[in-house]
Amino acid sequence: MLELLQRCWDFVWSVGGEVVGLAERVGVLAWELLVLLHMSNPRLEGLLVGVALAWLLSRKDKHPFLRAASAPLNLILNILDLAWDQVVEFFEDVWGTVSGWVKGGWNWCKSKVVGCWNWGLNCLGAVSDRLKREEGQE
């Protein structure tokens, strides 16, 4: 009976060793494929990573493990969203300030040109009136 148990134990041990060996071989194959993909097709690798992360985010509410695994990605996306909002707000503020300065300078120059034009027309009108009066006296 002990020999029967020993043979069964040896069988289980050898099957377990084969399963571990198979898992090791699958892991080595996956690692070699990842290295090959990284070295020869980095754009495809980026696309696959993007698709995997999108899948992870789309399924995060359905499984607690996926929710935990997607938490760092969600944090990164929130940080990027906040940074984008800050950059847009910064450029809107800068654009408003610079355009206000330019419009203010333009309006100042325009008012000076219009003032000079009106002053010149007033002078010409005064000369015209004086000439008309002098013609009327003669």
C-alpha atoms as a PDB file:
ATOM      1  CA  MET A   1       0.000   0.000   0.000  1.00  0.00           C
ATOM      2  CA  LEU A   2       2.852   2.344   0.774  1.00  0.00           C
ATOM      3  CA  GLU A   3       4.341   1.664  -2.646  1.00  0.00           C
ATOM      4  CA  LEU A   4       1.008   2.595  -4.276  1.00  0.00           C
ATOM      5  CA  LEU A   5       0.909   5.886  -2.392  1.00  0.00           C
ATOM      6  CA  GLN A   6       4.546   6.526  -3.320  1.00  0.00           C
ATOM      7  CA  ARG A   7       3.788   5.990  -7.031  1.00  0.00           C
ATOM      8  CA  CYS A   8       0.732   8.273  -6.839  1.00  0.00           C
ATOM      9  CA  TRP A   9       2.821  10.928  -5.073  1.00  0.00           C
ATOM     10  CA  ASP A  10       5.539  10.625  -7.726  1.00  0.00           C
ATOM     11  CA  PHE A  11       2.883  10.993 -10.435  1.00  0.00           C
ATOM     12  CA  VAL A  12       1.426  14.152  -8.837  1.00  0.00           C
ATOM     13  CA  TRP A  13       4.930  15.532  -8.299  1.00  0.00           C
ATOM     14  CA  SER A  14       5.930  14.902 -11.924  1.00  0.00           C
ATOM     15  CA  VAL A  15       2.666  16.384 -13.263  1.00  0.00           C
ATOM     16  CA  GLY A  16       3.206  19.439 -11.062  1.00  0.00           C
ATOM     17  CA  GLY A  17       6.762  19.725 -12.350  1.00  0.00           C
ATOM     18  CA  GLU A  18       5.533  19.495 -15.927  1.00  0.00           C
ATOM     19  CA  VAL A  19       2.876  22.177 -15.263  1.00  0.00           C
ATOM     20  CA  VAL A  20       5.539  24.428 -13.738  1.00  0.00           C
ATOM     21  CA  GLY A  21       7.831  23.706 -16.715  1.00  0.00           C
ATOM     22  CA  LEU A  22       5.023  24.479 -19.131  1.00  0.00           C
ATOM     23  CA  ALA A  23       4.228  27.726 -17.308  1.00  0.00           C
ATOM     24  CA  GLU A  24       7.923  28.602 -17.410  1.00  0.00           C
ATOM     25  CA  ARG A  25       8.100  27.927 -21.144  1.00  0.00           C
ATOM     26  CA  VAL A  26       4.973  30.037 -21.776  1.00  0.00           C
ATOM     27  CA  GLY A  27       6.469  32.837 -19.698  1.00  0.00           C
ATOM     28  CA  VAL A  28       9.771  32.684 -21.588  1.00  0.00           C
ATOM     29  CA  LEU A  29       7.902  32.727 -24.913  1.00  0.00           C
ATOM     30  CA  ALA A  30       5.795  35.714 -23.810  1.00  0.00           C
ATOM     31  CA  TRP A  31       8.911  37.558 -22.621  1.00  0.00           C
ATOM     32  CA  GLU A  32      10.754  36.886 -25.888  1.00  0.00           C
ATOM     33  CA  LEU A  33       7.745  38.081 -27.892  1.00  0.00           C
ATOM     34  CA  LEU A  34       7.565  41.262 -25.814  1.00  0.00           C
ATOM     35  CA  VAL A  35      11.277  41.936 -26.333  1.00  0.00           C
ATOM     36  CA  LEU A  36      10.940  41.285 -30.065  1.00  0.00           C
ATOM     37  CA  LEU A  37       7.875  43.550 -30.233  1.00  0.00           C
ATOM     38  CA  HIS A  38       9.686  46.252 -28.274  1.00  0.00           C
ATOM     39  CA  MET A  39      12.775  46.143 -30.464  1.00  0.00           C
ATOM     40  CA  SER A  40      11.234  45.756 -33.901  1.00  0.00           C
ATOM     41  CA  ASN A  41       7.750  47.330 -33.655  1.00  0.00           C
ATOM     42  CA  PRO A  42       7.598  49.996 -30.941  1.00  0.00           C
ATOM     43  CA  ARG A  43       4.543  51.693 -32.477  1.00  0.00           C
ATOM     44  CA  LEU A  44       2.598  48.461 -32.451  1.00  0.00           C
ATOM     45  CA  GLU A  45       3.676  47.960 -28.859  1.00  0.00           C
ATOM     46  CA  GLY A  46       2.378  51.434 -27.980  1.00  0.00           C
ATOM     47  CA  LEU A  47      -0.891  50.709 -29.738  1.00  0.00           C
ATOM     48  CA  LEU A  48      -1.291  47.429 -27.869  1.00  0.00           C
ATOM     49  CA  VAL A  49      -0.506  49.088 -24.539  1.00  0.00           C
ATOM     50  CA  GLY A  50      -3.045  51.829 -25.300  1.00  0.00           C
ATOM     51  CA  VAL A  51      -5.719  49.302 -26.204  1.00  0.00           C
ATOM     52  CA  ALA A  52      -4.953  47.295 -23.056  1.00  0.00           C
ATOM     53  CA  LEU A  53      -5.201  50.399 -20.865  1.00  0.00           C
ATOM     54  CA  ALA A  54      -8.457  51.466 -22.549  1.00  0.00           C
ATOM     55  CA  TRP A  55      -9.850  47.986 -21.939  1.00  0.00           C
ATOM     56  CA  LEU A  56      -8.714  48.197 -18.330  1.00  0.00           C
ATOM     57  CA  LEU A  57     -10.454  51.534 -17.807  1.00  0.00           C
ATOM     58  CA  SER A  58     -13.653  50.409 -19.546  1.00  0.00           C
ATOM     59  CA  ARG A  59     -13.944  47.316 -17.314  1.00  0.00           C
ATOM     60  CA  LYS A  60     -12.774  48.827 -14.033  1.00  0.00           C
ATOM     61  CA  ASP A  61     -16.244  49.076 -12.479  1.00  0.00           C
ATOM     62  CA  LYS A  62     -17.016  45.398 -13.012  1.00  0.00           C
ATOM     63  CA  HIS A  63     -14.235  43.781 -11.034  1.00  0.00           C
ATOM     64  CA  PRO A  64     -12.459  44.853  -7.817  1.00  0.00           C
ATOM     65  CA  PHE A  65      -9.055  43.668  -9.046  1.00  0.00           C
ATOM     66  CA  LEU A  66      -9.393  45.744 -12.220  1.00  0.00           C
ATOM     67  CA  ARG A  67     -10.552  48.701 -10.154  1.00  0.00           C
ATOM     68  CA  ALA A  68      -7.422  48.404  -8.012  1.00  0.00           C
ATOM     69  CA  ALA A  69      -5.180  47.895 -11.052  1.00  0.00           C
ATOM     70  CA  SER A  70      -6.666  50.886 -12.887  1.00  0.00           C
ATOM     71  CA  ALA A  71      -6.386  53.264  -9.925  1.00  0.00           C
ATOM     72  CA  PRO A  72      -2.857  54.469 -10.834  1.00  0.00           C
ATOM     73  CA  LEU A  73      -3.912  54.957 -14.456  1.00  0.00           C
ATOM     74  CA  ASN A  74      -6.984  56.858 -13.333  1.00  0.00           C
ATOM     75  CA  LEU A  75      -4.771  59.028 -11.130  1.00  0.00           C
ATOM     76  CA  ILE A  76      -2.481  59.779 -14.066  1.00  0.00           C
ATOM     77  CA  LEU A  77      -5.445  60.662 -16.278  1.00  0.00           C
ATOM     78  CA  ASN A  78      -6.837  62.969 -13.596  1.00  0.00           C
ATOM     79  CA  ILE A  79      -3.449  64.675 -13.243  1.00  0.00           C
ATOM     80  CA  LEU A  80      -3.173  65.104 -17.017  1.00  0.00           C
ATOM     81  CA  ASP A  81      -6.723  66.486 -17.144  1.00  0.00           C
ATOM     82  CA  LEU A  82      -5.952  68.964 -14.390  1.00  0.00           C
ATOM     83  CA  ALA A  83      -2.686  69.977 -16.059  1.00  0.00           C
ATOM     84  CA  TRP A  84      -4.500  70.468 -19.377  1.00  0.00           C
ATOM     85  CA  ASP A  85      -7.119  72.671 -17.703  1.00  0.00           C
ATOM     86  CA  GLN A  86      -4.390  74.753 -16.059  1.00  0.00           C
ATOM     87  CA  VAL A  87      -2.479  75.174 -19.329  1.00  0.00           C
ATOM     88  CA  VAL A  88      -5.636  76.229 -21.181  1.00  0.00           C
ATOM     89  CA  GLU A  89      -6.515  78.696 -18.428  1.00  0.00           C
ATOM     90  CA  PHE A  90      -2.965  80.086 -18.454  1.00  0.00           C
ATOM     91  CA  PHE A  91      -3.014  80.669 -22.206  1.00  0.00           C
ATOM     92  CA  GLU A  92      -6.476  82.236 -22.034  1.00  0.00           C
ATOM     93  CA  ASP A  93      -5.237  84.639 -19.346  1.00  0.00           C
ATOM     94  CA  VAL A  94      -2.088  85.467 -21.305  1.00  0.00           C
ATOM     95  CA  TRP A  95      -4.094  85.965 -24.505  1.00  0.00           C
ATOM     96  CA  GLY A  96      -6.559  88.247 -22.706  1.00  0.00           C
ATOM     97  CA  THR A  97      -3.761  90.315 -21.177  1.00  0.00           C
ATOM     98  CA  VAL A  98      -1.728  90.643 -24.372  1.00  0.00           C
ATOM     99  CA  SER A  99      -4.764  91.411 -26.530  1.00  0.00           C
ATOM    100  CA  GLY A 100      -5.869  94.006 -23.950  1.00  0.00           C
ATOM    101  CA  TRP A 101      -2.449  95.656 -24.122  1.00  0.00           C
ATOM    102  CA  VAL A 102      -2.456  95.623 -27.921  1.00  0.00           C
ATOM    103  CA  LYS A 103      -6.023  96.964 -28.126  1.00  0.00           C
ATOM    104  CA  GLY A 104      -5.205  99.634 -25.552  1.00  0.00           C
ATOM    105  CA  GLY A 105      -2.107 100.701 -27.479  1.00  0.00           C
ATOM    106  CA  TRP A 106      -4.025 100.675 -30.758  1.00  0.00           C
ATOM    107  CA  ASN A 107      -6.868 102.745 -29.283  1.00  0.00           C
ATOM    108  CA  TRP A 108      -4.370 105.229 -27.833  1.00  0.00           C
ATOM    109  CA  CYS A 109      -2.598 105.605 -31.206  1.00  0.00           C
ATOM    110  CA  LYS A 110      -5.941 105.856 -32.991  1.00  0.00           C
ATOM    111  CA  SER A 111      -7.176 108.552 -30.602  1.00  0.00           C
ATOM    112  CA  LYS A 112      -3.975 110.554 -31.152  1.00  0.00           C
ATOM    113  CA  VAL A 113      -4.279 110.272 -34.955  1.00  0.00           C
ATOM    114  CA  VAL A 114      -7.989 111.212 -34.860  1.00  0.00           C
ATOM    115  CA  GLY A 115      -7.201 114.107 -32.508  1.00  0.00           C
ATOM    116  CA  CYS A 116      -4.480 115.378 -34.847  1.00  0.00           C
ATOM    117  CA  TRP A 117      -6.809 114.966 -37.838  1.00  0.00           C
ATOM    118  CA  ASN A 118      -9.591 116.897 -36.095  1.00  0.00           C
ATOM    119  CA  TRP A 119      -7.154 119.603 -34.986  1.00  0.00           C
ATOM    120  CA  GLY A 120      -5.917 119.908 -38.580  1.00  0.00           C
ATOM    121  CA  LEU A 121      -9.487 120.147 -39.910  1.00  0.00           C
ATOM    122  CA  ASN A 122     -10.357 122.741 -37.265  1.00  0.00           C
ATOM    123  CA  CYS A 123      -7.316 124.790 -38.280  1.00  0.00           C
ATOM    124  CA  LEU A 124      -8.254 124.548 -41.954  1.00  0.00           C
ATOM    125  CA  GLY A 125     -11.871 125.478 -41.082  1.00  0.00           C
ATOM    126  CA  ALA A 126     -10.659 128.511 -39.126  1.00  0.00           C
ATOM    127  CA  VAL A 127      -8.450 129.588 -42.044  1.00  0.00           C
ATOM    128  CA  SER A 128     -11.387 129.068 -44.426  1.00  0.00           C
ATOM    129  CA  ASP A 129     -13.671 131.186 -42.215  1.00  0.00           C
ATOM    130  CA  ARG A 130     -11.066 133.922 -41.960  1.00  0.00           C
ATOM    131  CA  LEU A 131     -10.605 133.946 -45.736  1.00  0.00           C
ATOM    132  CA  LYS A 132     -14.365 134.148 -46.268  1.00  0.00           C
ATOM    133  CA  ARG A 133     -14.597 137.088 -43.869  1.00  0.00           C
ATOM    134  CA  GLU A 134     -11.728 138.867 -45.560  1.00  0.00           C
ATOM    135  CA  GLU A 135     -13.383 138.376 -48.966  1.00  0.00           C
ATOM    136  CA  GLY A 136     -16.599 139.797 -47.600  1.00  0.00           C
ATOM    137  CA  GLN A 137     -14.815 142.954 -46.326  1.00  0.00           C
ATOM    138  CA  GLU A 138     -13.152 143.759 -49.568  1.00  0.00           C
END
